[in-house]
Amino acid sequence: MANKAHRKTDANIAGAPIITVAQSPSVFTNDLEQSVDGSMVAPHGLPPHAIVTTLNGSTDVFVENIPANFEGNDDTCGHVRVDGSPNVFIDAVNTGIAGIVDNSVVVIDPFIRSDVTEFVSTISFIEEPIEDDGTTLMPSPSNPAVLIPVSSPAFSPPPLVPPVGEVPVIPPLVEIPLDCSDIFEKPTNYNFPGSFVLSPNFNLALLSTHATLSHYNVRPQVGLTTNQIVCNLRMLSLNVLEPLKVLYPNMFVTSGFRHGSGSSQHNKGQAADVQLSGTNYQQQWDAAKVVAESLTYDQFILELGNNYWFHLSYSNGANRQAVLTRIRPGNYQPNLIRIV
């Protein structure tokens, strides 16, 4: 049985990539360092997912006398290696693993939406996984001021805990238009300041240069002016982020507007990634089900990095109410699927 060789940056089923290899960088597969047993995997949750290495490599293919990794290997946390090299394979006659399905990890919850199967064909354009690998998203296991253990299994939103080193930017209390009239009063491609108010709890900086993870200044791109992009961000804030903050005051934006080619709604100011501080996997999963049923959105994507995060978008045209789960980078499935 031949399986795809695994290399630095290749991911396991939870989307966590190999970040360093255990041997000296002497062997490459498709210009990436070949992974061997003991290579470090990005943290992607609470123990045993906080400190993770590769495991169970080949018994007959070695790099510097260390077993080489391939798809189907278990990492030390139990997550299975998936995908890998497109054209370099490792003979895995020693393994009893059939394929790469890990039913102990991917659990389909009884909460299923049956009305979004028509959106499967649109999966190719929804996101740019390079931006959304999740490995550096907060909260992280090494940041206890953000990730707070919760003893009660019952869900109740904890108080907001801002990311370490970040001072929350509170917009001034002013009357906020419910449309974009004040935005389009400005000259075309106006340089809007970060303090420009989008909604009661969000100004432009919080959805661009001062998001927790990504920091992009608003610029004209993908055929849109800065005015149009800022208008999109306002509609997103008013219609999605404000209702979400009412439900979960502990929510914060990790990524809003981003530079790009237009393949992601982030590039148009129509999408934001958010997390809930101080929550565990169960609470985040419970919240995902509430969000799917309670908000108006174009797309709601449940994604997993160090914790779950929510990708939410809003279109000023028809909103599709599409619900998807990112099983791993590049693999999006309809409905909510519980991964951990």
Protein backbone atom coordinates (compact mmCIF):
# COMPACT_ATOMS: atom_id res chain seq x y z
CA MET A 1 0.00 0.00 0.00
CA ALA A 2 1.53 3.34 -1.06
CA ASN A 3 0.62 6.59 0.67
CA LYS A 4 1.60 10.19 0.05
CA ALA A 5 4.80 11.30 1.73
CA HIS A 6 4.40 13.97 4.41
CA ARG A 7 6.52 17.09 4.51
CA LYS A 8 6.97 20.26 6.49
CA THR A 9 3.72 22.34 6.29
CA ASP A 10 1.55 19.28 5.52
CA ALA A 11 -1.39 18.99 7.93
CA ASN A 12 -3.18 16.39 10.01
CA ILE A 13 -6.94 15.91 9.94
CA ALA A 14 -7.38 18.81 12.42
CA GLY A 15 -5.54 21.16 10.03
CA ALA A 16 -2.36 21.36 12.15
CA PRO A 17 0.77 21.49 9.94
CA ILE A 18 4.23 20.11 10.60
CA ILE A 19 6.28 23.16 11.61
CA THR A 20 9.77 21.68 12.11
CA VAL A 21 11.33 18.36 11.11
CA ALA A 22 13.29 16.22 13.54
CA GLN A 23 16.29 15.68 11.25
CA SER A 24 18.62 18.12 9.59
CA PRO A 25 17.08 19.52 6.40
CA SER A 26 18.89 17.07 4.14
CA VAL A 27 16.04 15.35 2.32
CA PHE A 28 13.35 17.22 0.43
CA THR A 29 10.10 16.10 -1.18
CA ASN A 30 8.65 18.54 -3.72
CA ASP A 31 11.05 21.21 -2.39
CA LEU A 32 9.71 20.76 1.16
CA GLU A 33 11.60 19.09 3.99
CA GLN A 34 10.57 15.44 4.36
CA SER A 35 8.99 14.75 7.74
CA VAL A 36 10.14 11.94 10.03
CA ASP A 37 8.98 10.62 13.40
CA GLY A 38 9.44 13.23 16.11
CA SER A 39 8.80 16.24 13.89
CA MET A 40 6.97 19.08 15.64
CA VAL A 41 3.31 19.72 14.80
CA ALA A 42 1.61 23.07 15.39
CA PRO A 43 -0.41 23.24 18.64
CA HIS A 44 -4.11 22.98 17.92
CA GLY A 45 -5.96 22.75 21.21
CA LEU A 46 -5.74 21.64 24.80
CA PRO A 47 -3.58 18.67 25.84
CA PRO A 48 -2.88 16.26 24.18
CA HIS A 49 -3.15 18.66 21.22
CA ALA A 50 -0.88 21.34 22.73
CA ILE A 51 2.52 19.63 22.36
CA VAL A 52 2.40 17.28 19.39
CA THR A 53 4.92 15.38 17.26
CA THR A 54 4.61 12.96 14.36
CA LEU A 55 4.62 9.25 15.05
CA ASN A 56 4.24 5.78 13.49
CA GLY A 57 6.36 6.36 10.37
CA SER A 58 7.49 3.80 7.85
CA THR A 59 9.36 0.67 8.96
CA ASP A 60 11.36 0.48 5.75
CA VAL A 61 11.82 4.08 4.54
CA PHE A 62 14.19 6.19 6.64
CA VAL A 63 15.73 9.68 6.60
CA GLU A 64 18.93 9.81 8.66
CA ASN A 65 17.84 6.50 10.25
CA ILE A 66 14.48 7.96 11.36
CA PRO A 67 11.19 6.54 9.99
CA ALA A 68 9.66 8.76 7.29
CA ASN A 69 6.09 10.00 7.74
CA PHE A 70 3.23 9.50 5.30
CA GLU A 71 -0.54 9.97 5.18
CA GLY A 72 -2.35 7.70 7.59
CA ASN A 73 0.24 8.03 10.37
CA ASP A 74 -1.11 9.05 13.77
CA ASP A 75 0.40 12.10 15.45
CA THR A 76 1.01 11.78 19.20
CA CYS A 77 -2.31 13.54 19.83
CA GLY A 78 -4.21 10.90 17.84
CA HIS A 79 -4.97 13.08 14.82
CA VAL A 80 -4.18 11.38 11.52
CA ARG A 81 -1.87 12.74 8.82
CA VAL A 82 -3.78 13.56 5.61
CA ASP A 83 -2.98 14.47 2.00
CA GLY A 84 0.76 15.07 1.51
CA SER A 85 2.91 14.98 -1.61
CA PRO A 86 1.01 14.77 -4.90
CA ASN A 87 3.54 12.47 -6.55
CA VAL A 88 5.95 10.99 -3.97
CA PHE A 89 4.71 7.90 -2.19
CA ILE A 90 6.02 5.77 0.65
CA ASP A 91 5.45 2.02 0.71
CA ALA A 92 3.32 1.44 3.77
CA VAL A 93 2.84 -2.32 3.71
CA ASN A 94 3.43 -2.35 7.45
CA THR A 95 0.39 -0.31 8.36
CA GLY A 96 -3.07 -1.59 9.01
CA ILE A 97 -4.63 1.84 8.45
CA ALA A 98 -7.20 1.80 5.68
CA GLY A 99 -7.30 5.23 4.08
CA ILE A 100 -7.22 8.38 6.18
CA VAL A 101 -10.66 8.51 7.78
CA ASP A 102 -10.49 9.00 11.54
CA ASN A 103 -13.99 8.49 12.88
CA SER A 104 -12.82 9.04 16.43
CA VAL A 105 -11.92 12.62 15.53
CA VAL A 106 -14.58 13.70 13.06
CA VAL A 107 -17.97 13.36 14.73
CA ILE A 108 -21.11 14.47 12.95
CA ASP A 109 -23.41 16.08 15.47
CA PRO A 110 -27.17 15.50 15.30
CA PHE A 111 -27.45 19.23 14.53
CA ILE A 112 -27.52 19.16 10.72
CA ARG A 113 -28.82 21.71 8.28
CA SER A 114 -30.43 20.02 5.30
CA ASP A 115 -30.97 23.12 3.20
CA VAL A 116 -27.43 23.99 2.08
CA THR A 117 -26.40 21.06 -0.10
CA GLU A 118 -26.76 23.26 -3.17
CA PHE A 119 -23.79 25.30 -1.98
CA VAL A 120 -21.28 22.47 -2.37
CA SER A 121 -20.40 23.70 -5.85
CA THR A 122 -19.40 27.12 -4.50
CA ILE A 123 -16.86 25.81 -2.01
CA SER A 124 -13.90 26.57 -4.28
CA PHE A 125 -14.13 30.34 -3.90
CA ILE A 126 -15.17 30.86 -0.32
CA GLU A 127 -11.80 31.13 1.40
CA GLU A 128 -8.07 31.36 0.96
CA PRO A 129 -6.75 28.65 3.32
CA ILE A 130 -3.21 30.10 3.27
CA GLU A 131 -4.56 33.00 5.31
CA ASP A 132 -6.69 30.79 7.53
CA ASP A 133 -4.44 27.96 8.66
CA GLY A 134 -5.41 28.75 12.25
CA THR A 135 -2.07 27.82 13.75
CA THR A 136 -1.37 31.31 15.04
CA LEU A 137 -4.89 32.27 15.98
CA MET A 138 -5.68 33.20 19.56
CA PRO A 139 -6.61 31.96 22.03
CA SER A 140 -3.79 29.43 22.32
CA PRO A 141 -2.85 26.91 25.00
CA SER A 142 0.23 28.99 25.82
CA ASN A 143 -1.87 32.09 26.46
CA PRO A 144 -3.80 31.38 29.68
CA ALA A 145 -4.97 34.97 29.93
CA VAL A 146 -7.03 34.31 26.82
CA LEU A 147 -7.87 30.61 27.03
CA ILE A 148 -9.57 30.19 30.41
CA PRO A 149 -10.63 26.67 31.48
CA VAL A 150 -14.35 26.51 32.11
CA SER A 151 -15.49 23.97 34.70
CA SER A 152 -19.21 23.94 33.97
CA PRO A 153 -20.35 22.06 30.84
CA ALA A 154 -23.38 24.34 30.63
CA PHE A 155 -22.89 27.17 28.19
CA SER A 156 -22.95 30.75 29.37
CA PRO A 157 -20.83 33.46 27.73
CA PRO A 158 -17.95 34.44 30.05
CA PRO A 159 -16.85 38.07 30.36
CA LEU A 160 -14.67 39.48 27.63
CA VAL A 161 -10.96 38.82 28.09
CA PRO A 162 -9.01 40.91 25.57
CA PRO A 163 -5.91 39.38 23.96
CA VAL A 164 -2.73 39.87 25.95
CA GLY A 165 -0.96 43.11 25.06
CA GLU A 166 -3.98 44.49 23.23
CA VAL A 167 -5.97 47.46 24.45
CA PRO A 168 -9.56 47.28 23.22
CA VAL A 169 -10.37 50.09 20.81
CA ILE A 170 -13.72 51.51 21.91
CA PRO A 171 -15.49 53.57 19.24
CA PRO A 172 -16.82 56.95 20.36
CA LEU A 173 -20.48 57.19 21.26
CA VAL A 174 -21.95 58.91 18.23
CA GLU A 175 -25.07 58.49 16.19
CA ILE A 176 -24.27 55.86 13.57
CA PRO A 177 -26.01 55.82 10.20
CA LEU A 178 -27.69 52.55 9.33
CA ASP A 179 -26.63 52.99 5.74
CA CYS A 180 -23.52 54.18 3.89
CA SER A 181 -24.61 57.74 3.16
CA ASP A 182 -21.78 59.26 5.21
CA ILE A 183 -19.27 56.92 3.58
CA PHE A 184 -20.16 57.87 0.04
CA GLU A 185 -20.15 61.57 0.94
CA LYS A 186 -16.35 61.21 1.05
CA PRO A 187 -14.22 61.47 -2.11
CA THR A 188 -13.68 58.26 -4.07
CA ASN A 189 -10.94 56.12 -2.48
CA TYR A 190 -10.98 58.30 0.61
CA ASN A 191 -8.39 57.30 3.24
CA PHE A 192 -10.72 56.46 6.13
CA PRO A 193 -9.07 56.67 9.59
CA GLY A 194 -9.06 53.67 11.90
CA SER A 195 -11.36 55.56 14.27
CA PHE A 196 -14.11 55.70 11.62
CA VAL A 197 -17.20 54.22 13.27
CA LEU A 198 -18.86 51.27 11.58
CA SER A 199 -21.32 50.24 14.31
CA PRO A 200 -21.75 50.71 18.08
CA ASN A 201 -18.99 48.23 18.98
CA PHE A 202 -16.74 48.28 15.93
CA ASN A 203 -14.65 50.88 14.21
CA LEU A 204 -12.61 50.44 11.05
CA ALA A 205 -9.37 49.59 12.87
CA LEU A 206 -10.95 46.59 14.63
CA LEU A 207 -11.84 45.10 11.24
CA SER A 208 -8.59 45.97 9.47
CA THR A 209 -5.30 47.14 10.99
CA HIS A 210 -6.12 46.20 14.60
CA ALA A 211 -7.77 42.81 14.19
CA THR A 212 -6.14 40.29 16.52
CA LEU A 213 -4.43 38.21 13.83
CA SER A 214 -4.33 40.06 10.52
CA HIS A 215 -3.40 43.71 10.09
CA TYR A 216 -4.28 45.16 6.70
CA ASN A 217 -4.98 48.78 5.84
CA VAL A 218 -8.04 49.34 3.68
CA ARG A 219 -7.08 50.00 0.08
CA PRO A 220 -8.93 49.88 -3.25
CA GLN A 221 -8.78 46.39 -4.78
CA VAL A 222 -10.76 43.77 -6.72
CA GLY A 223 -12.59 46.55 -8.57
CA LEU A 224 -13.91 48.18 -5.39
CA THR A 225 -13.14 51.64 -4.02
CA THR A 226 -12.23 52.16 -0.39
CA ASN A 227 -15.69 53.67 0.03
CA GLN A 228 -17.35 50.49 -1.21
CA ILE A 229 -15.15 48.28 0.97
CA VAL A 230 -15.83 50.36 4.08
CA CYS A 231 -19.54 50.24 3.27
CA ASN A 232 -19.33 46.45 3.07
CA LEU A 233 -17.57 46.38 6.46
CA ARG A 234 -20.34 48.52 7.94
CA MET A 235 -23.07 46.23 6.63
CA LEU A 236 -21.16 43.25 8.00
CA SER A 237 -20.79 44.97 11.38
CA LEU A 238 -24.40 46.08 11.67
CA ASN A 239 -26.03 42.90 10.41
CA VAL A 240 -23.71 40.15 11.68
CA LEU A 241 -21.10 41.26 14.21
CA GLU A 242 -23.39 43.41 16.37
CA PRO A 243 -26.03 40.66 16.76
CA LEU A 244 -23.22 38.20 17.50
CA LYS A 245 -21.83 40.48 20.21
CA VAL A 246 -25.27 40.65 21.81
CA LEU A 247 -25.29 36.84 21.97
CA TYR A 248 -21.63 36.54 23.03
CA PRO A 249 -20.04 39.68 24.50
CA ASN A 250 -16.73 37.79 24.64
CA MET A 251 -16.39 37.65 20.86
CA PHE A 252 -13.45 39.35 19.17
CA VAL A 253 -12.37 39.73 15.55
CA THR A 254 -9.21 37.91 14.54
CA SER A 255 -9.30 38.88 10.86
CA GLY A 256 -11.43 41.29 8.86
CA PHE A 257 -10.44 43.04 5.66
CA ARG A 258 -7.45 41.46 3.92
CA HIS A 259 -5.44 42.19 0.83
CA GLY A 260 -5.98 39.63 -1.91
CA SER A 261 -7.16 38.72 -5.36
CA GLY A 262 -10.87 38.60 -4.59
CA SER A 263 -11.19 34.83 -4.10
CA SER A 264 -12.10 35.49 -0.48
CA GLN A 265 -14.91 37.70 0.78
CA HIS A 266 -12.35 39.16 3.20
CA ASN A 267 -10.86 40.97 0.19
CA LYS A 268 -14.14 42.82 -0.37
CA GLY A 269 -14.76 43.74 3.26
CA GLN A 270 -17.63 41.26 3.40
CA ALA A 271 -16.20 38.76 5.91
CA ALA A 272 -14.67 38.51 9.36
CA ASP A 273 -13.21 35.67 11.41
CA VAL A 274 -14.17 35.74 15.08
CA GLN A 275 -13.46 33.76 18.24
CA LEU A 276 -15.00 33.61 21.70
CA SER A 277 -12.47 34.27 24.44
CA GLY A 278 -12.44 32.14 27.57
CA THR A 279 -14.34 29.20 26.09
CA ASN A 280 -13.62 25.53 25.56
CA TYR A 281 -14.37 23.28 22.58
CA GLN A 282 -17.80 22.26 23.86
CA GLN A 283 -18.88 25.86 24.42
CA GLN A 284 -17.59 26.90 21.01
CA TRP A 285 -19.48 24.03 19.40
CA ASP A 286 -22.67 24.96 21.26
CA ALA A 287 -22.22 28.57 20.16
CA ALA A 288 -21.72 27.50 16.54
CA LYS A 289 -25.14 25.86 16.56
CA VAL A 290 -26.73 28.99 17.99
CA VAL A 291 -25.01 31.21 15.42
CA ALA A 292 -26.08 28.98 12.52
CA GLU A 293 -29.72 29.34 13.50
CA SER A 294 -29.82 32.89 14.88
CA LEU A 295 -27.96 35.23 12.51
CA THR A 296 -28.43 36.44 8.98
CA TYR A 297 -25.30 35.80 6.92
CA ASP A 298 -24.08 34.83 3.49
CA GLN A 299 -21.70 32.13 4.69
CA PHE A 300 -20.96 30.70 8.11
CA ILE A 301 -17.88 28.47 8.14
CA LEU A 302 -16.82 26.55 11.23
CA GLU A 303 -13.02 26.25 11.23
CA LEU A 304 -10.46 24.74 13.59
CA GLY A 305 -7.03 26.02 14.57
CA ASN A 306 -5.90 26.28 18.19
CA ASN A 307 -9.63 26.58 18.86
CA TYR A 308 -12.72 26.74 16.72
CA TRP A 309 -13.27 30.03 14.98
CA PHE A 310 -16.19 31.32 12.94
CA HIS A 311 -15.89 32.77 9.46
CA LEU A 312 -18.95 34.96 8.88
CA SER A 313 -19.76 36.92 5.76
CA TYR A 314 -22.54 39.25 4.68
CA SER A 315 -23.54 40.17 1.15
CA ASN A 316 -25.44 43.34 0.43
CA GLY A 317 -27.33 41.33 -2.15
CA ALA A 318 -28.95 37.96 -1.45
CA ASN A 319 -27.55 36.16 1.59
CA ARG A 320 -27.47 32.39 1.08
CA GLN A 321 -27.38 31.24 4.73
CA ALA A 322 -24.74 28.69 3.68
CA VAL A 323 -23.29 26.61 6.52
CA LEU A 324 -19.97 24.84 6.00
CA THR A 325 -17.21 23.18 8.00
CA ARG A 326 -13.55 23.26 7.03
CA ILE A 327 -12.38 19.70 7.70
CA ARG A 328 -8.82 20.65 6.78
CA PRO A 329 -7.20 23.26 4.50
CA GLY A 330 -8.87 23.11 1.12
CA ASN A 331 -11.56 20.65 2.25
CA TYR A 332 -14.92 22.27 2.99
CA GLN A 333 -18.05 20.24 3.67
CA PRO A 334 -21.67 21.42 3.95
CA ASN A 335 -23.36 21.57 7.35
CA LEU A 336 -21.83 21.75 10.80
CA ILE A 337 -19.43 18.87 11.48
CA ARG A 338 -17.87 18.49 14.89
CA ILE A 339 -14.13 17.87 14.56
CA VAL A 340 -13.07 17.70 18.23
